Amino acid sequence: MPATVTTSSLGMARADWDHFRRHWDELSADIYAGARGTCRLRRYGKFSLTDPAGRIELLPQESFVQPENSNPLYVDVDRTFEPLTDAFMADPVFRAVLRLLARLATALDDPSKWSAKVHPFRVVASADANGLPTPEGRHRDGVTLVSSLLVGRHNAVGGASSVFDSNERRLLRTTLSRPGALLLGDDRRTLHSVSPVHSRDPSRPAYRDVLVVTFAPG
């Protein structure tokens, strides 16, 4: 979904979006990615939605576990991340994004309740190391809808998103370049990956900020 369509659908002004981007400066280190040599910052939260217009309920914080036949690096591994901040969860842009995604998810399924897992990510690259958005390579998340919303890029090149069918034939390759660009996938039928991020100017740090949200029947 092009950035202009996403921002129009959200009904948000430029000032609202600029405020939303600042939450990415409050992320915490992902020690699990760090153990594999990747500098990645993130937080995590889980929500329940009865329908796109219904109540958004924050669920108790718990470890993030990916199911069998999904992410090959972390299947059945309990990973504990810092929770989303209160300011992030109260931000009207986040609430609007969650409702927009809930509406889009109904194109794939129509359960009585959705479980939404929310992951704001910052992948950092430097002169010494590339940023790896998906060190596990092609994978599934074990959900129904998987989405990636570009929030911002700074001094970054690369980071191309690819989507594959179940036979690992590439269906799409695109670089989310404008804030608000949104990639959506039916996770039951596809795999996805993102290429490394490099510094445009090696003398300065580079980063790619995205909001990954997944939906599964709750």
N, C-alpha and C. Protein backbone atom coordinates (compact mmCIF):
# COMPACT_ATOMS: atom_id res chain seq x y z
N MET A 1 0.86 -1.17 0.00
CA MET A 1 0.00 0.00 0.00
C MET A 1 0.90 1.23 0.00
N PRO A 2 0.78 2.12 -1.01
CA PRO A 2 1.63 3.32 -1.06
C PRO A 2 1.42 4.21 0.16
N ALA A 3 2.45 4.98 0.50
CA ALA A 3 2.38 5.83 1.69
C ALA A 3 1.22 6.80 1.64
N THR A 4 0.93 7.36 0.45
CA THR A 4 -0.16 8.33 0.35
C THR A 4 -1.51 7.69 0.66
N VAL A 5 -1.68 6.43 0.26
CA VAL A 5 -2.94 5.73 0.53
C VAL A 5 -3.05 5.40 2.02
N THR A 6 -1.94 4.96 2.61
CA THR A 6 -1.97 4.62 4.03
C THR A 6 -2.29 5.84 4.89
N THR A 7 -1.58 6.94 4.66
CA THR A 7 -1.79 8.12 5.49
C THR A 7 -3.19 8.70 5.28
N SER A 8 -3.69 8.60 4.05
CA SER A 8 -5.07 9.05 3.80
C SER A 8 -6.07 8.17 4.54
N SER A 9 -5.83 6.87 4.53
CA SER A 9 -6.73 5.94 5.22
C SER A 9 -6.71 6.16 6.73
N LEU A 10 -5.56 6.56 7.25
CA LEU A 10 -5.44 6.80 8.69
C LEU A 10 -6.04 8.14 9.09
N GLY A 11 -6.13 9.06 8.13
CA GLY A 11 -6.68 10.38 8.43
C GLY A 11 -5.80 11.19 9.35
N MET A 12 -4.48 11.04 9.22
CA MET A 12 -3.55 11.71 10.12
C MET A 12 -2.82 12.84 9.42
N ALA A 13 -2.59 13.94 10.16
CA ALA A 13 -1.82 15.06 9.64
C ALA A 13 -0.33 14.79 9.78
N ARG A 14 0.48 15.56 9.06
CA ARG A 14 1.93 15.39 9.10
C ARG A 14 2.47 15.52 10.53
N ALA A 15 1.92 16.44 11.29
CA ALA A 15 2.41 16.62 12.66
C ALA A 15 2.14 15.39 13.51
N ASP A 16 1.01 14.72 13.29
CA ASP A 16 0.69 13.49 14.03
C ASP A 16 1.72 12.41 13.72
N TRP A 17 2.07 12.30 12.45
CA TRP A 17 3.03 11.26 12.02
C TRP A 17 4.42 11.55 12.59
N ASP A 18 4.83 12.82 12.56
CA ASP A 18 6.14 13.19 13.10
C ASP A 18 6.23 12.86 14.58
N HIS A 19 5.14 13.08 15.30
CA HIS A 19 5.12 12.74 16.73
C HIS A 19 5.22 11.23 16.93
N PHE A 20 4.55 10.47 16.10
CA PHE A 20 4.56 9.01 16.20
C PHE A 20 5.97 8.46 16.01
N ARG A 21 6.72 9.04 15.08
CA ARG A 21 8.07 8.55 14.78
C ARG A 21 8.99 8.64 15.99
N ARG A 22 8.73 9.55 16.89
CA ARG A 22 9.64 9.75 18.03
C ARG A 22 9.65 8.55 18.99
N HIS A 23 8.61 7.74 18.95
CA HIS A 23 8.59 6.57 19.85
C HIS A 23 9.73 5.61 19.54
N TRP A 24 10.24 5.63 18.32
CA TRP A 24 11.33 4.71 17.96
C TRP A 24 12.65 5.08 18.63
N ASP A 25 12.73 6.28 19.18
CA ASP A 25 13.92 6.67 19.94
C ASP A 25 13.88 6.10 21.36
N GLU A 26 12.78 5.43 21.71
CA GLU A 26 12.61 4.88 23.06
C GLU A 26 12.66 3.36 23.09
N LEU A 27 13.15 2.74 22.02
CA LEU A 27 13.20 1.28 21.96
C LEU A 27 14.38 0.74 22.77
N SER A 28 14.35 -0.55 23.07
CA SER A 28 15.39 -1.22 23.85
C SER A 28 16.11 -2.25 23.01
N ALA A 29 17.31 -2.59 23.43
CA ALA A 29 18.14 -3.53 22.67
C ALA A 29 17.49 -4.92 22.62
N ASP A 30 17.55 -5.52 21.44
CA ASP A 30 17.13 -6.92 21.25
C ASP A 30 18.36 -7.79 21.49
N ILE A 31 18.44 -8.38 22.69
CA ILE A 31 19.64 -9.14 23.06
C ILE A 31 19.76 -10.43 22.24
N TYR A 32 18.64 -10.94 21.75
CA TYR A 32 18.67 -12.19 20.99
C TYR A 32 19.27 -11.95 19.60
N ALA A 33 18.90 -10.85 18.97
CA ALA A 33 19.53 -10.49 17.71
C ALA A 33 20.99 -10.09 17.93
N GLY A 34 21.25 -9.40 19.05
CA GLY A 34 22.61 -8.99 19.36
C GLY A 34 23.56 -10.16 19.51
N ALA A 35 23.05 -11.27 20.05
CA ALA A 35 23.88 -12.46 20.22
C ALA A 35 24.31 -13.04 18.88
N ARG A 36 23.59 -12.68 17.80
CA ARG A 36 23.94 -13.14 16.46
C ARG A 36 24.60 -12.05 15.63
N GLY A 37 25.02 -10.98 16.32
CA GLY A 37 25.78 -9.94 15.65
C GLY A 37 24.96 -8.87 14.96
N THR A 38 23.66 -8.80 15.26
CA THR A 38 22.78 -7.81 14.63
C THR A 38 22.35 -6.77 15.65
N CYS A 39 22.53 -5.50 15.32
CA CYS A 39 22.08 -4.41 16.19
C CYS A 39 20.63 -4.10 15.85
N ARG A 40 19.73 -4.49 16.73
CA ARG A 40 18.31 -4.28 16.51
C ARG A 40 17.67 -3.84 17.83
N LEU A 41 16.82 -2.83 17.76
CA LEU A 41 16.09 -2.33 18.91
C LEU A 41 14.61 -2.63 18.71
N ARG A 42 13.90 -2.86 19.82
CA ARG A 42 12.49 -3.21 19.67
C ARG A 42 11.76 -3.13 21.01
N ARG A 43 10.45 -3.23 20.95
CA ARG A 43 9.58 -3.48 22.09
C ARG A 43 8.49 -4.42 21.60
N TYR A 44 7.63 -4.85 22.53
CA TYR A 44 6.63 -5.84 22.14
C TYR A 44 5.38 -5.71 23.01
N GLY A 45 4.22 -5.89 22.39
CA GLY A 45 2.96 -5.93 23.11
C GLY A 45 1.94 -6.75 22.36
N LYS A 46 0.93 -7.21 23.07
CA LYS A 46 -0.10 -8.07 22.48
C LYS A 46 -1.47 -7.50 22.85
N PHE A 47 -2.38 -7.50 21.86
CA PHE A 47 -3.69 -6.90 22.03
C PHE A 47 -4.78 -7.85 21.54
N SER A 48 -5.98 -7.62 22.04
CA SER A 48 -7.16 -8.34 21.59
C SER A 48 -8.13 -7.33 20.98
N LEU A 49 -8.68 -7.66 19.79
CA LEU A 49 -9.66 -6.81 19.13
C LEU A 49 -10.87 -7.66 18.78
N THR A 50 -12.03 -7.21 19.17
CA THR A 50 -13.24 -7.97 18.84
C THR A 50 -13.67 -7.73 17.40
N ASP A 51 -13.47 -6.52 16.89
CA ASP A 51 -13.74 -6.19 15.50
C ASP A 51 -13.06 -4.86 15.22
N PRO A 52 -12.95 -4.44 13.94
CA PRO A 52 -12.20 -3.22 13.62
C PRO A 52 -12.68 -1.99 14.38
N ALA A 53 -13.97 -1.91 14.68
CA ALA A 53 -14.50 -0.73 15.37
C ALA A 53 -14.66 -0.94 16.87
N GLY A 54 -14.30 -2.14 17.33
CA GLY A 54 -14.53 -2.47 18.73
C GLY A 54 -13.39 -2.05 19.63
N ARG A 55 -13.43 -2.59 20.85
CA ARG A 55 -12.47 -2.20 21.87
C ARG A 55 -11.11 -2.83 21.61
N ILE A 56 -10.05 -2.05 21.83
CA ILE A 56 -8.68 -2.55 21.77
C ILE A 56 -8.24 -2.82 23.20
N GLU A 57 -7.96 -4.07 23.50
CA GLU A 57 -7.62 -4.46 24.87
C GLU A 57 -6.17 -4.93 24.93
N LEU A 58 -5.37 -4.31 25.79
CA LEU A 58 -4.00 -4.75 26.02
C LEU A 58 -4.02 -6.03 26.83
N LEU A 59 -3.32 -7.05 26.36
CA LEU A 59 -3.24 -8.32 27.07
C LEU A 59 -2.01 -8.34 27.96
N PRO A 60 -2.00 -9.19 28.99
CA PRO A 60 -0.84 -9.24 29.89
C PRO A 60 0.45 -9.52 29.13
N GLN A 61 1.53 -8.88 29.58
CA GLN A 61 2.83 -9.06 28.93
C GLN A 61 3.30 -10.49 29.15
N GLU A 62 3.83 -11.09 28.09
CA GLU A 62 4.33 -12.45 28.16
C GLU A 62 5.49 -12.60 27.20
N SER A 63 6.20 -13.72 27.32
CA SER A 63 7.29 -13.99 26.38
C SER A 63 6.74 -14.15 24.98
N PHE A 64 7.56 -13.81 24.01
CA PHE A 64 7.18 -13.95 22.61
C PHE A 64 7.73 -15.28 22.11
N VAL A 65 6.83 -16.16 21.68
CA VAL A 65 7.21 -17.48 21.21
C VAL A 65 6.64 -17.68 19.81
N GLN A 66 7.48 -18.06 18.87
CA GLN A 66 6.99 -18.32 17.52
C GLN A 66 6.76 -19.82 17.35
N PRO A 67 5.65 -20.17 16.70
CA PRO A 67 5.26 -21.59 16.64
C PRO A 67 6.08 -22.40 15.64
N GLU A 68 5.85 -23.68 15.69
CA GLU A 68 6.50 -24.60 14.75
C GLU A 68 6.17 -24.20 13.32
N ASN A 69 7.10 -24.49 12.40
CA ASN A 69 6.93 -24.17 10.98
C ASN A 69 6.85 -22.68 10.71
N SER A 70 7.55 -21.88 11.53
CA SER A 70 7.59 -20.44 11.27
C SER A 70 9.05 -20.01 11.21
N ASN A 71 9.50 -19.18 12.15
CA ASN A 71 10.85 -18.63 12.14
C ASN A 71 11.87 -19.69 12.55
N PRO A 72 12.77 -20.09 11.63
CA PRO A 72 13.68 -21.20 11.94
C PRO A 72 14.69 -20.90 13.05
N LEU A 73 14.98 -19.63 13.31
CA LEU A 73 15.95 -19.31 14.35
C LEU A 73 15.37 -19.41 15.75
N TYR A 74 14.07 -19.17 15.87
CA TYR A 74 13.50 -18.98 17.20
C TYR A 74 12.27 -19.84 17.48
N VAL A 75 12.06 -20.92 16.74
CA VAL A 75 10.90 -21.76 16.99
C VAL A 75 10.93 -22.28 18.43
N ASP A 76 9.83 -22.06 19.15
CA ASP A 76 9.66 -22.53 20.53
C ASP A 76 10.67 -21.94 21.51
N VAL A 77 11.30 -20.81 21.15
CA VAL A 77 12.22 -20.12 22.05
C VAL A 77 11.47 -18.99 22.73
N ASP A 78 11.48 -18.96 24.07
CA ASP A 78 10.85 -17.87 24.81
C ASP A 78 11.77 -16.65 24.75
N ARG A 79 11.31 -15.60 24.10
CA ARG A 79 12.08 -14.35 24.04
C ARG A 79 11.31 -13.27 24.80
N THR A 80 12.00 -12.62 25.72
CA THR A 80 11.39 -11.60 26.54
C THR A 80 11.87 -10.22 26.10
N PHE A 81 10.91 -9.34 25.76
CA PHE A 81 11.24 -7.99 25.31
C PHE A 81 10.59 -6.97 26.24
N GLU A 82 11.15 -5.77 26.23
CA GLU A 82 10.56 -4.68 27.00
C GLU A 82 9.17 -4.37 26.45
N PRO A 83 8.22 -4.04 27.32
CA PRO A 83 6.86 -3.75 26.85
C PRO A 83 6.78 -2.41 26.11
N LEU A 84 5.71 -2.25 25.37
CA LEU A 84 5.43 -0.97 24.73
C LEU A 84 5.23 0.10 25.79
N THR A 85 5.64 1.31 25.48
CA THR A 85 5.45 2.39 26.44
C THR A 85 3.99 2.83 26.46
N ASP A 86 3.58 3.42 27.57
CA ASP A 86 2.21 3.94 27.68
C ASP A 86 1.95 5.00 26.60
N ALA A 87 2.96 5.83 26.34
CA ALA A 87 2.80 6.89 25.35
C ALA A 87 2.58 6.31 23.95
N PHE A 88 3.31 5.23 23.64
CA PHE A 88 3.14 4.59 22.34
C PHE A 88 1.72 4.03 22.21
N MET A 89 1.26 3.32 23.22
CA MET A 89 -0.05 2.68 23.16
C MET A 89 -1.18 3.70 23.11
N ALA A 90 -0.97 4.87 23.67
CA ALA A 90 -2.01 5.91 23.68
C ALA A 90 -1.97 6.77 22.43
N ASP A 91 -0.94 6.63 21.62
CA ASP A 91 -0.78 7.49 20.45
C ASP A 91 -1.92 7.24 19.46
N PRO A 92 -2.61 8.28 19.00
CA PRO A 92 -3.73 8.08 18.07
C PRO A 92 -3.32 7.46 16.75
N VAL A 93 -2.08 7.68 16.32
CA VAL A 93 -1.63 7.04 15.07
C VAL A 93 -1.57 5.53 15.26
N PHE A 94 -1.02 5.07 16.39
CA PHE A 94 -0.97 3.63 16.63
C PHE A 94 -2.37 3.03 16.67
N ARG A 95 -3.29 3.68 17.37
CA ARG A 95 -4.66 3.15 17.45
C ARG A 95 -5.30 3.09 16.07
N ALA A 96 -5.04 4.11 15.25
CA ALA A 96 -5.61 4.13 13.89
C ALA A 96 -4.99 3.04 13.03
N VAL A 97 -3.68 2.81 13.16
CA VAL A 97 -3.02 1.74 12.40
C VAL A 97 -3.61 0.39 12.78
N LEU A 98 -3.81 0.15 14.07
CA LEU A 98 -4.33 -1.14 14.52
C LEU A 98 -5.73 -1.37 13.96
N ARG A 99 -6.55 -0.35 13.96
CA ARG A 99 -7.91 -0.51 13.42
C ARG A 99 -7.90 -0.70 11.90
N LEU A 100 -7.02 0.02 11.21
CA LEU A 100 -6.91 -0.17 9.76
C LEU A 100 -6.49 -1.61 9.43
N LEU A 101 -5.51 -2.13 10.14
CA LEU A 101 -5.05 -3.49 9.89
C LEU A 101 -6.13 -4.51 10.23
N ALA A 102 -6.91 -4.26 11.27
CA ALA A 102 -8.01 -5.17 11.61
C ALA A 102 -9.03 -5.24 10.48
N ARG A 103 -9.30 -4.07 9.86
CA ARG A 103 -10.22 -4.08 8.72
C ARG A 103 -9.64 -4.88 7.55
N LEU A 104 -8.36 -4.70 7.30
CA LEU A 104 -7.73 -5.42 6.19
C LEU A 104 -7.65 -6.92 6.47
N ALA A 105 -7.47 -7.29 7.73
CA ALA A 105 -7.36 -8.71 8.09
C ALA A 105 -8.65 -9.46 7.80
N THR A 106 -9.78 -8.77 7.82
CA THR A 106 -11.05 -9.46 7.57
C THR A 106 -11.16 -9.94 6.12
N ALA A 107 -10.27 -9.48 5.25
CA ALA A 107 -10.24 -10.02 3.89
C ALA A 107 -9.72 -11.45 3.87
N LEU A 108 -9.02 -11.85 4.95
CA LEU A 108 -8.42 -13.18 5.02
C LEU A 108 -9.20 -14.12 5.92
N ASP A 109 -9.84 -13.59 6.95
CA ASP A 109 -10.55 -14.42 7.92
C ASP A 109 -11.52 -13.53 8.69
N ASP A 110 -12.47 -14.12 9.38
CA ASP A 110 -13.46 -13.34 10.12
C ASP A 110 -13.75 -13.99 11.46
N PRO A 111 -12.73 -14.06 12.33
CA PRO A 111 -12.94 -14.67 13.64
C PRO A 111 -13.74 -13.73 14.54
N SER A 112 -14.23 -14.25 15.65
CA SER A 112 -14.96 -13.41 16.60
C SER A 112 -14.02 -12.46 17.33
N LYS A 113 -12.73 -12.80 17.37
CA LYS A 113 -11.76 -11.97 18.06
C LYS A 113 -10.39 -12.14 17.40
N TRP A 114 -9.66 -11.03 17.26
CA TRP A 114 -8.30 -11.06 16.72
C TRP A 114 -7.29 -10.93 17.86
N SER A 115 -6.16 -11.61 17.71
CA SER A 115 -5.00 -11.39 18.56
C SER A 115 -3.96 -10.67 17.71
N ALA A 116 -3.57 -9.47 18.14
CA ALA A 116 -2.60 -8.67 17.39
C ALA A 116 -1.31 -8.56 18.20
N LYS A 117 -0.20 -8.91 17.56
CA LYS A 117 1.11 -8.78 18.19
C LYS A 117 1.84 -7.62 17.53
N VAL A 118 2.36 -6.72 18.36
CA VAL A 118 2.88 -5.44 17.88
C VAL A 118 4.37 -5.34 18.20
N HIS A 119 5.16 -5.05 17.16
CA HIS A 119 6.62 -5.00 17.29
C HIS A 119 7.17 -3.75 16.60
N PRO A 120 7.44 -2.68 17.31
CA PRO A 120 8.21 -1.59 16.70
C PRO A 120 9.70 -1.98 16.66
N PHE A 121 10.31 -1.87 15.48
CA PHE A 121 11.70 -2.29 15.26
C PHE A 121 12.54 -1.12 14.78
N ARG A 122 13.78 -1.07 15.21
CA ARG A 122 14.81 -0.25 14.58
C ARG A 122 16.01 -1.14 14.29
N VAL A 123 16.39 -1.26 13.02
CA VAL A 123 17.57 -2.01 12.62
C VAL A 123 18.67 -1.00 12.30
N VAL A 124 19.83 -1.17 12.93
CA VAL A 124 20.91 -0.20 12.84
C VAL A 124 22.07 -0.78 12.03
N ALA A 125 22.61 0.06 11.14
CA ALA A 125 23.80 -0.30 10.36
C ALA A 125 24.90 0.71 10.65
N SER A 126 26.14 0.29 10.47
CA SER A 126 27.29 1.16 10.69
C SER A 126 28.35 0.85 9.65
N ALA A 127 29.45 1.57 9.72
CA ALA A 127 30.55 1.29 8.79
C ALA A 127 31.11 -0.10 9.00
N ASP A 128 30.97 -0.64 10.20
CA ASP A 128 31.54 -1.93 10.54
C ASP A 128 30.59 -3.10 10.36
N ALA A 129 29.29 -2.83 10.30
CA ALA A 129 28.33 -3.93 10.24
C ALA A 129 27.06 -3.49 9.54
N ASN A 130 26.54 -4.38 8.68
CA ASN A 130 25.25 -4.14 8.05
C ASN A 130 24.14 -4.39 9.07
N GLY A 131 23.00 -3.76 8.86
CA GLY A 131 21.83 -4.06 9.65
C GLY A 131 21.06 -5.20 9.01
N LEU A 132 20.64 -6.16 9.81
CA LEU A 132 19.94 -7.35 9.29
C LEU A 132 18.51 -7.37 9.83
N PRO A 133 17.54 -6.89 9.04
CA PRO A 133 16.15 -6.92 9.50
C PRO A 133 15.63 -8.33 9.73
N THR A 134 16.06 -9.29 8.90
CA THR A 134 15.60 -10.68 9.05
C THR A 134 16.81 -11.62 8.99
N PRO A 135 17.56 -11.72 10.08
CA PRO A 135 18.74 -12.61 10.07
C PRO A 135 18.37 -14.07 9.83
N GLU A 136 17.10 -14.43 10.03
CA GLU A 136 16.66 -15.80 9.81
C GLU A 136 16.39 -16.11 8.35
N GLY A 137 16.43 -15.10 7.47
CA GLY A 137 16.14 -15.31 6.06
C GLY A 137 14.64 -15.46 5.81
N ARG A 138 14.29 -16.21 4.79
CA ARG A 138 12.88 -16.40 4.44
C ARG A 138 12.17 -17.15 5.56
N HIS A 139 11.01 -16.63 5.95
CA HIS A 139 10.32 -17.27 7.08
C HIS A 139 8.85 -16.86 7.09
N ARG A 140 8.10 -17.56 7.89
CA ARG A 140 6.74 -17.20 8.26
C ARG A 140 6.72 -16.76 9.72
N ASP A 141 5.62 -16.13 10.11
CA ASP A 141 5.46 -15.76 11.51
C ASP A 141 4.43 -16.63 12.22
N GLY A 142 3.79 -17.54 11.48
CA GLY A 142 2.82 -18.44 12.10
C GLY A 142 1.51 -17.76 12.44
N VAL A 143 1.09 -16.78 11.61
CA VAL A 143 -0.12 -16.01 11.87
C VAL A 143 -0.99 -15.99 10.61
N THR A 144 -2.01 -15.14 10.60
CA THR A 144 -2.86 -14.98 9.41
C THR A 144 -2.39 -13.81 8.56
N LEU A 145 -2.36 -12.62 9.14
CA LEU A 145 -1.91 -11.42 8.44
C LEU A 145 -0.60 -10.95 9.05
N VAL A 146 0.38 -10.67 8.19
CA VAL A 146 1.63 -10.05 8.64
C VAL A 146 1.76 -8.73 7.91
N SER A 147 2.15 -7.69 8.64
CA SER A 147 2.25 -6.37 8.03
C SER A 147 3.53 -5.67 8.48
N SER A 148 4.06 -4.84 7.59
CA SER A 148 5.25 -4.06 7.90
C SER A 148 5.02 -2.63 7.43
N LEU A 149 5.01 -1.69 8.36
CA LEU A 149 4.76 -0.28 8.08
C LEU A 149 6.06 0.49 8.25
N LEU A 150 6.52 1.15 7.17
CA LEU A 150 7.73 1.95 7.28
C LEU A 150 7.42 3.23 8.05
N VAL A 151 8.19 3.45 9.12
CA VAL A 151 8.03 4.65 9.93
C VAL A 151 9.10 5.68 9.57
N GLY A 152 10.29 5.23 9.22
CA GLY A 152 11.34 6.16 8.82
C GLY A 152 12.62 5.46 8.45
N ARG A 153 13.45 6.16 7.69
CA ARG A 153 14.78 5.69 7.32
C ARG A 153 15.74 6.87 7.50
N HIS A 154 16.94 6.57 7.99
CA HIS A 154 17.94 7.62 8.18
C HIS A 154 19.29 7.13 7.66
N ASN A 155 19.80 7.79 6.64
CA ASN A 155 21.12 7.45 6.08
C ASN A 155 21.19 5.99 5.65
N ALA A 156 20.08 5.42 5.26
CA ALA A 156 20.02 3.97 5.00
C ALA A 156 19.73 3.67 3.54
N VAL A 157 20.43 2.70 3.02
CA VAL A 157 20.12 2.12 1.71
C VAL A 157 19.94 0.62 1.91
N GLY A 158 19.28 -0.03 0.96
CA GLY A 158 18.98 -1.45 1.11
C GLY A 158 17.67 -1.64 1.84
N GLY A 159 17.53 -2.79 2.47
CA GLY A 159 16.30 -3.08 3.18
C GLY A 159 15.14 -3.36 2.25
N ALA A 160 15.39 -4.13 1.17
CA ALA A 160 14.33 -4.49 0.24
C ALA A 160 13.53 -5.67 0.78
N SER A 161 12.22 -5.55 0.73
CA SER A 161 11.33 -6.61 1.22
C SER A 161 10.97 -7.54 0.07
N SER A 162 11.04 -8.85 0.31
CA SER A 162 10.65 -9.85 -0.68
C SER A 162 9.61 -10.78 -0.10
N VAL A 163 8.67 -11.17 -0.95
CA VAL A 163 7.60 -12.10 -0.57
C VAL A 163 7.67 -13.30 -1.51
N PHE A 164 7.52 -14.51 -0.96
CA PHE A 164 7.65 -15.75 -1.72
C PHE A 164 6.42 -16.61 -1.50
N ASP A 165 6.12 -17.45 -2.50
CA ASP A 165 5.04 -18.40 -2.30
C ASP A 165 5.56 -19.61 -1.53
N SER A 166 4.69 -20.59 -1.32
CA SER A 166 5.06 -21.76 -0.50
C SER A 166 6.17 -22.58 -1.12
N ASN A 167 6.37 -22.43 -2.44
CA ASN A 167 7.47 -23.12 -3.12
C ASN A 167 8.71 -22.25 -3.20
N GLU A 168 8.71 -21.14 -2.45
CA GLU A 168 9.82 -20.19 -2.37
C GLU A 168 10.11 -19.52 -3.71
N ARG A 169 9.08 -19.37 -4.54
CA ARG A 169 9.19 -18.57 -5.76
C ARG A 169 8.85 -17.13 -5.41
N ARG A 170 9.73 -16.20 -5.79
CA ARG A 170 9.52 -14.81 -5.43
C ARG A 170 8.30 -14.23 -6.15
N LEU A 171 7.42 -13.62 -5.36
CA LEU A 171 6.22 -12.98 -5.89
C LEU A 171 6.39 -11.47 -5.99
N LEU A 172 7.20 -10.91 -5.10
CA LEU A 172 7.31 -9.46 -5.01
C LEU A 172 8.63 -9.08 -4.37
N ARG A 173 9.24 -8.01 -4.89
CA ARG A 173 10.40 -7.40 -4.24
C ARG A 173 10.20 -5.89 -4.30
N THR A 174 10.20 -5.24 -3.15
CA THR A 174 9.96 -3.80 -3.10
C THR A 174 10.71 -3.21 -1.91
N THR A 175 11.12 -1.96 -2.05
CA THR A 175 11.76 -1.26 -0.94
C THR A 175 10.80 -0.24 -0.38
N LEU A 176 10.45 -0.39 0.88
CA LEU A 176 9.60 0.59 1.55
C LEU A 176 10.45 1.83 1.79
N SER A 177 10.23 2.85 1.00
CA SER A 177 11.11 4.01 1.03
C SER A 177 10.48 5.26 1.64
N ARG A 178 9.16 5.40 1.55
CA ARG A 178 8.50 6.58 2.09
C ARG A 178 7.76 6.23 3.38
N PRO A 179 7.91 7.03 4.42
CA PRO A 179 7.17 6.77 5.66
C PRO A 179 5.68 6.63 5.38
N GLY A 180 5.10 5.55 5.89
CA GLY A 180 3.70 5.24 5.63
C GLY A 180 3.50 4.12 4.63
N ALA A 181 4.55 3.75 3.88
CA ALA A 181 4.43 2.61 2.97
C ALA A 181 4.17 1.34 3.79
N LEU A 182 3.22 0.54 3.32
CA LEU A 182 2.74 -0.60 4.11
C LEU A 182 2.74 -1.86 3.25
N LEU A 183 3.40 -2.90 3.74
CA LEU A 183 3.43 -4.19 3.06
C LEU A 183 2.57 -5.17 3.84
N LEU A 184 1.66 -5.84 3.15
CA LEU A 184 0.72 -6.78 3.77
C LEU A 184 0.89 -8.15 3.15
N GLY A 185 0.78 -9.21 3.95
CA GLY A 185 0.90 -10.55 3.42
C GLY A 185 0.00 -11.54 4.13
N ASP A 186 -0.48 -12.51 3.37
CA ASP A 186 -1.19 -13.66 3.94
C ASP A 186 -0.12 -14.64 4.41
N ASP A 187 0.14 -14.65 5.71
CA ASP A 187 1.24 -15.43 6.25
C ASP A 187 1.02 -16.93 6.14
N ARG A 188 -0.20 -17.34 5.91
CA ARG A 188 -0.50 -18.77 5.77
C ARG A 188 -0.02 -19.31 4.42
N ARG A 189 0.17 -18.42 3.45
CA ARG A 189 0.45 -18.83 2.08
C ARG A 189 1.76 -18.30 1.54
N THR A 190 2.45 -17.45 2.31
CA THR A 190 3.67 -16.83 1.82
C THR A 190 4.77 -16.86 2.87
N LEU A 191 5.99 -16.58 2.41
CA LEU A 191 7.15 -16.35 3.27
C LEU A 191 7.67 -14.96 2.94
N HIS A 192 8.48 -14.38 3.83
CA HIS A 192 9.00 -13.05 3.57
C HIS A 192 10.40 -12.91 4.14
N SER A 193 11.12 -11.92 3.62
CA SER A 193 12.46 -11.60 4.12
C SER A 193 12.77 -10.16 3.73
N VAL A 194 13.81 -9.60 4.36
CA VAL A 194 14.25 -8.24 4.06
C VAL A 194 15.77 -8.27 3.90
N SER A 195 16.27 -7.62 2.85
CA SER A 195 17.71 -7.61 2.59
C SER A 195 18.43 -6.70 3.60
N PRO A 196 19.76 -6.84 3.72
CA PRO A 196 20.51 -6.02 4.68
C PRO A 196 20.38 -4.53 4.41
N VAL A 197 20.56 -3.76 5.48
CA VAL A 197 20.57 -2.30 5.42
C VAL A 197 22.02 -1.83 5.52
N HIS A 198 22.39 -0.87 4.67
CA HIS A 198 23.74 -0.32 4.67
C HIS A 198 23.70 1.18 4.96
N SER A 199 24.83 1.73 5.39
CA SER A 199 24.95 3.17 5.60
C SER A 199 25.24 3.86 4.28
N ARG A 200 24.44 4.86 3.94
CA ARG A 200 24.73 5.66 2.75
C ARG A 200 26.04 6.41 2.93
N ASP A 201 26.18 7.01 4.10
CA ASP A 201 27.41 7.69 4.49
C ASP A 201 28.03 6.89 5.63
N PRO A 202 29.11 6.14 5.34
CA PRO A 202 29.68 5.25 6.37
C PRO A 202 30.16 5.97 7.63
N SER A 203 30.34 7.27 7.56
CA SER A 203 30.82 8.00 8.74
C SER A 203 29.70 8.27 9.74
N ARG A 204 28.46 7.98 9.35
CA ARG A 204 27.33 8.25 10.23
C ARG A 204 26.50 6.97 10.40
N PRO A 205 25.84 6.81 11.53
CA PRO A 205 24.98 5.63 11.72
C PRO A 205 23.78 5.68 10.79
N ALA A 206 23.23 4.51 10.51
CA ALA A 206 22.04 4.40 9.66
C ALA A 206 21.03 3.52 10.37
N TYR A 207 19.76 3.80 10.13
CA TYR A 207 18.75 2.92 10.70
C TYR A 207 17.48 2.92 9.85
N ARG A 208 16.73 1.84 10.02
CA ARG A 208 15.44 1.64 9.34
C ARG A 208 14.42 1.32 10.42
N ASP A 209 13.38 2.15 10.52
CA ASP A 209 12.35 2.00 11.54
C ASP A 209 11.07 1.45 10.91
N VAL A 210 10.56 0.36 11.44
CA VAL A 210 9.31 -0.21 10.95
C VAL A 210 8.44 -0.62 12.13
N LEU A 211 7.15 -0.70 11.86
CA LEU A 211 6.20 -1.27 12.82
C LEU A 211 5.66 -2.54 12.20
N VAL A 212 5.98 -3.67 12.82
CA VAL A 212 5.48 -4.97 12.37
C VAL A 212 4.32 -5.37 13.28
N VAL A 213 3.17 -5.64 12.66
CA VAL A 213 1.98 -6.07 13.40
C VAL A 213 1.45 -7.33 12.73
N THR A 214 1.15 -8.34 13.53
CA THR A 214 0.57 -9.57 13.00
C THR A 214 -0.80 -9.80 13.62
N PHE A 215 -1.67 -10.44 12.83
CA PHE A 215 -3.02 -10.77 13.31
C PHE A 215 -3.25 -12.27 13.17
N ALA A 216 -3.83 -12.86 14.18
CA ALA A 216 -4.23 -14.26 14.16
C ALA A 216 -5.55 -14.39 14.92
N PRO A 217 -6.36 -15.39 14.62
CA PRO A 217 -7.59 -15.57 15.40
C PRO A 217 -7.27 -15.68 16.89
N GLY A 218 -8.04 -14.96 17.69
CA GLY A 218 -7.75 -14.90 19.12
C GLY A 218 -8.48 -15.93 19.95
